[in-house]
Amino acid sequence: MLKNLKDLTLEDMKAKRLTLKKEYMDLRFKTVVGHVENPLKKES
């Protein structure tokens, strides 16, 4: 994965960061609500 990140442009990195941040917040919300399909996903 690091090799892929090194090849990204700054704009691509910003977009990837926003995507990952949204996924993380969704997982946190689902954990609190109790609707996580795979609880191990939030640990990786």
PDB file of N, CA and C in Angstrom:
ATOM      1  N   MET A   1       0.820  -1.204   0.000  1.00  0.00           N
ATOM      2  CA  MET A   1       0.000   0.000   0.000  1.00  0.00           C
ATOM      3  C   MET A   1       0.858   1.259   0.000  1.00  0.00           C
ATOM      4  N   LEU A   2       1.996   1.243   0.690  1.00  0.00           N
ATOM      5  CA  LEU A   2       2.853   2.422   0.709  1.00  0.00           C
ATOM      6  C   LEU A   2       3.355   2.762  -0.679  1.00  0.00           C
ATOM      7  N   LYS A   3       3.669   1.748  -1.472  1.00  0.00           N
ATOM      8  CA  LYS A   3       4.134   2.018  -2.825  1.00  0.00           C
ATOM      9  C   LYS A   3       3.050   2.740  -3.619  1.00  0.00           C
ATOM     10  N   ASN A   4       1.812   2.332  -3.429  1.00  0.00           N
ATOM     11  CA  ASN A   4       0.712   2.999  -4.120  1.00  0.00           C
ATOM     12  C   ASN A   4       0.567   4.445  -3.664  1.00  0.00           C
ATOM     13  N   LEU A   5       0.757   4.693  -2.392  1.00  0.00           N
ATOM     14  CA  LEU A   5       0.624   6.059  -1.873  1.00  0.00           C
ATOM     15  C   LEU A   5       1.720   6.969  -2.415  1.00  0.00           C
ATOM     16  N   LYS A   6       2.909   6.421  -2.620  1.00  0.00           N
ATOM     17  CA  LYS A   6       4.012   7.228  -3.145  1.00  0.00           C
ATOM     18  C   LYS A   6       3.751   7.681  -4.571  1.00  0.00           C
ATOM     19  N   ASP A   7       2.955   6.919  -5.297  1.00  0.00           N
ATOM     20  CA  ASP A   7       2.671   7.253  -6.693  1.00  0.00           C
ATOM     21  C   ASP A   7       1.517   8.244  -6.843  1.00  0.00           C
ATOM     22  N   LEU A   8       0.813   8.543  -5.781  1.00  0.00           N
ATOM     23  CA  LEU A   8      -0.348   9.432  -5.860  1.00  0.00           C
ATOM     24  C   LEU A   8       0.070  10.897  -5.909  1.00  0.00           C
ATOM     25  N   THR A   9      -0.730  11.691  -6.586  1.00  0.00           N
ATOM     26  CA  THR A   9      -0.512  13.135  -6.581  1.00  0.00           C
ATOM     27  C   THR A   9      -1.102  13.705  -5.289  1.00  0.00           C
ATOM     28  N   LEU A  10      -0.826  14.956  -5.040  1.00  0.00           N
ATOM     29  CA  LEU A  10      -1.342  15.604  -3.834  1.00  0.00           C
ATOM     30  C   LEU A  10      -2.869  15.598  -3.828  1.00  0.00           C
ATOM     31  N   GLU A  11      -3.474  15.890  -4.965  1.00  0.00           N
ATOM     32  CA  GLU A  11      -4.938  15.897  -5.046  1.00  0.00           C
ATOM     33  C   GLU A  11      -5.507  14.505  -4.807  1.00  0.00           C
ATOM     34  N   ASP A  12      -4.837  13.474  -5.342  1.00  0.00           N
ATOM     35  CA  ASP A  12      -5.283  12.098  -5.123  1.00  0.00           C
ATOM     36  C   ASP A  12      -5.192  11.735  -3.644  1.00  0.00           C
ATOM     37  N   MET A  13      -4.116  12.176  -2.996  1.00  0.00           N
ATOM     38  CA  MET A  13      -3.947  11.894  -1.565  1.00  0.00           C
ATOM     39  C   MET A  13      -5.038  12.574  -0.747  1.00  0.00           C
ATOM     40  N   LYS A  14      -5.376  13.799  -1.106  1.00  0.00           N
ATOM     41  CA  LYS A  14      -6.438  14.511  -0.387  1.00  0.00           C
ATOM     42  C   LYS A  14      -7.774  13.794  -0.553  1.00  0.00           C
ATOM     43  N   ALA A  15      -8.049  13.330  -1.766  1.00  0.00           N
ATOM     44  CA  ALA A  15      -9.298  12.611  -2.021  1.00  0.00           C
ATOM     45  C   ALA A  15      -9.318  11.295  -1.252  1.00  0.00           C
ATOM     46  N   LYS A  16      -8.193  10.594  -1.230  1.00  0.00           N
ATOM     47  CA  LYS A  16      -8.091   9.324  -0.508  1.00  0.00           C
ATOM     48  C   LYS A  16      -8.294   9.563   0.987  1.00  0.00           C
ATOM     49  N   ARG A  17      -7.719  10.638   1.498  1.00  0.00           N
ATOM     50  CA  ARG A  17      -7.860  10.971   2.915  1.00  0.00           C
ATOM     51  C   ARG A  17      -9.321  11.211   3.276  1.00  0.00           C
ATOM     52  N   LEU A  18     -10.031  11.957   2.434  1.00  0.00           N
ATOM     53  CA  LEU A  18     -11.447  12.223   2.690  1.00  0.00           C
ATOM     54  C   LEU A  18     -12.263  10.937   2.662  1.00  0.00           C
ATOM     55  N   THR A  19     -11.953  10.063   1.707  1.00  0.00           N
ATOM     56  CA  THR A  19     -12.664   8.790   1.605  1.00  0.00           C
ATOM     57  C   THR A  19     -12.431   7.942   2.847  1.00  0.00           C
ATOM     58  N   LEU A  20     -11.168   7.826   3.264  1.00  0.00           N
ATOM     59  CA  LEU A  20     -10.847   7.025   4.444  1.00  0.00           C
ATOM     60  C   LEU A  20     -11.450   7.625   5.707  1.00  0.00           C
ATOM     61  N   LYS A  21     -11.452   8.948   5.801  1.00  0.00           N
ATOM     62  CA  LYS A  21     -12.031   9.615   6.966  1.00  0.00           C
ATOM     63  C   LYS A  21     -13.531   9.341   7.052  1.00  0.00           C
ATOM     64  N   LYS A  22     -14.219   9.379   5.896  1.00  0.00           N
ATOM     65  CA  LYS A  22     -15.650   9.099   5.872  1.00  0.00           C
ATOM     66  C   LYS A  22     -15.920   7.649   6.263  1.00  0.00           C
ATOM     67  N   GLU A  23     -15.132   6.717   5.728  1.00  0.00           N
ATOM     68  CA  GLU A  23     -15.301   5.305   6.079  1.00  0.00           C
ATOM     69  C   GLU A  23     -15.093   5.095   7.578  1.00  0.00           C
ATOM     70  N   TYR A  24     -14.080   5.765   8.140  1.00  0.00           N
ATOM     71  CA  TYR A  24     -13.790   5.646   9.564  1.00  0.00           C
ATOM     72  C   TYR A  24     -14.951   6.179  10.407  1.00  0.00           C
ATOM     73  N   MET A  25     -15.479   7.330  10.024  1.00  0.00           N
ATOM     74  CA  MET A  25     -16.590   7.908  10.781  1.00  0.00           C
ATOM     75  C   MET A  25     -17.839   7.042  10.672  1.00  0.00           C
ATOM     76  N   ASP A  26     -18.080   6.471   9.490  1.00  0.00           N
ATOM     77  CA  ASP A  26     -19.221   5.566   9.319  1.00  0.00           C
ATOM     78  C   ASP A  26     -19.072   4.346  10.220  1.00  0.00           C
ATOM     79  N   LEU A  27     -17.857   3.788  10.282  1.00  0.00           N
ATOM     80  CA  LEU A  27     -17.627   2.625  11.140  1.00  0.00           C
ATOM     81  C   LEU A  27     -17.827   2.972  12.613  1.00  0.00           C
ATOM     82  N   ARG A  28     -17.352   4.147  13.027  1.00  0.00           N
ATOM     83  CA  ARG A  28     -17.541   4.565  14.420  1.00  0.00           C
ATOM     84  C   ARG A  28     -19.019   4.705  14.740  1.00  0.00           C
ATOM     85  N   PHE A  29     -19.762   5.320  13.828  1.00  0.00           N
ATOM     86  CA  PHE A  29     -21.198   5.498  14.033  1.00  0.00           C
ATOM     87  C   PHE A  29     -21.895   4.149  14.127  1.00  0.00           C
ATOM     88  N   LYS A  30     -21.581   3.249  13.202  1.00  0.00           N
ATOM     89  CA  LYS A  30     -22.210   1.929  13.204  1.00  0.00           C
ATOM     90  C   LYS A  30     -21.847   1.142  14.460  1.00  0.00           C
ATOM     91  N   THR A  31     -20.632   1.323  14.972  1.00  0.00           N
ATOM     92  CA  THR A  31     -20.223   0.646  16.198  1.00  0.00           C
ATOM     93  C   THR A  31     -21.065   1.126  17.373  1.00  0.00           C
ATOM     94  N   VAL A  32     -21.275   2.424  17.465  1.00  0.00           N
ATOM     95  CA  VAL A  32     -22.067   2.993  18.550  1.00  0.00           C
ATOM     96  C   VAL A  32     -23.513   2.524  18.454  1.00  0.00           C
ATOM     97  N   VAL A  33     -24.039   2.504  17.245  1.00  0.00           N
ATOM     98  CA  VAL A  33     -25.421   2.097  17.032  1.00  0.00           C
ATOM     99  C   VAL A  33     -25.563   0.585  17.164  1.00  0.00           C
ATOM    100  N   GLY A  34     -24.496  -0.137  16.847  1.00  0.00           N
ATOM    101  CA  GLY A  34     -24.511  -1.587  16.980  1.00  0.00           C
ATOM    102  C   GLY A  34     -24.818  -2.333  15.704  1.00  0.00           C
ATOM    103  N   HIS A  35     -24.530  -1.736  14.558  1.00  0.00           N
ATOM    104  CA  HIS A  35     -24.834  -2.366  13.276  1.00  0.00           C
ATOM    105  C   HIS A  35     -23.581  -2.649  12.457  1.00  0.00           C
ATOM    106  N   VAL A  36     -22.505  -3.053  13.090  1.00  0.00           N
ATOM    107  CA  VAL A  36     -21.281  -3.359  12.355  1.00  0.00           C
ATOM    108  C   VAL A  36     -21.347  -4.800  11.878  1.00  0.00           C
ATOM    109  N   GLU A  37     -21.200  -5.004  10.558  1.00  0.00           N
ATOM    110  CA  GLU A  37     -21.254  -6.349  10.000  1.00  0.00           C
ATOM    111  C   GLU A  37     -20.001  -7.138  10.360  1.00  0.00           C
ATOM    112  N   ASN A  38     -18.838  -6.496  10.276  1.00  0.00           N
ATOM    113  CA  ASN A  38     -17.577  -7.157  10.570  1.00  0.00           C
ATOM    114  C   ASN A  38     -16.823  -6.309  11.595  1.00  0.00           C
ATOM    115  N   PRO A  39     -16.902  -6.643  12.878  1.00  0.00           N
ATOM    116  CA  PRO A  39     -16.267  -5.811  13.909  1.00  0.00           C
ATOM    117  C   PRO A  39     -14.752  -5.734  13.776  1.00  0.00           C
ATOM    118  N   LEU A  40     -14.127  -6.694  13.115  1.00  0.00           N
ATOM    119  CA  LEU A  40     -12.682  -6.656  12.946  1.00  0.00           C
ATOM    120  C   LEU A  40     -12.249  -5.606  11.935  1.00  0.00           C
ATOM    121  N   LYS A  41     -13.140  -5.163  11.073  1.00  0.00           N
ATOM    122  CA  LYS A  41     -12.796  -4.178  10.060  1.00  0.00           C
ATOM    123  C   LYS A  41     -12.342  -2.866  10.694  1.00  0.00           C
ATOM    124  N   LYS A  42     -12.922  -2.501  11.809  1.00  0.00           N
ATOM    125  CA  LYS A  42     -12.544  -1.228  12.427  1.00  0.00           C
ATOM    126  C   LYS A  42     -11.161  -1.283  13.054  1.00  0.00           C
ATOM    127  N   GLU A  43     -10.617  -2.482  13.290  1.00  0.00           N
ATOM    128  CA  GLU A  43      -9.301  -2.609  13.904  1.00  0.00           C
ATOM    129  C   GLU A  43      -8.180  -2.544  12.888  1.00  0.00           C
ATOM    130  N   SER A  44      -8.474  -2.753  11.625  1.00  0.00           N
ATOM    131  CA  SER A  44      -7.410  -2.772  10.619  1.00  0.00           C
ATOM    132  C   SER A  44      -7.141  -1.406  10.061  1.00  0.00           C
TER     133      SER A  44
END
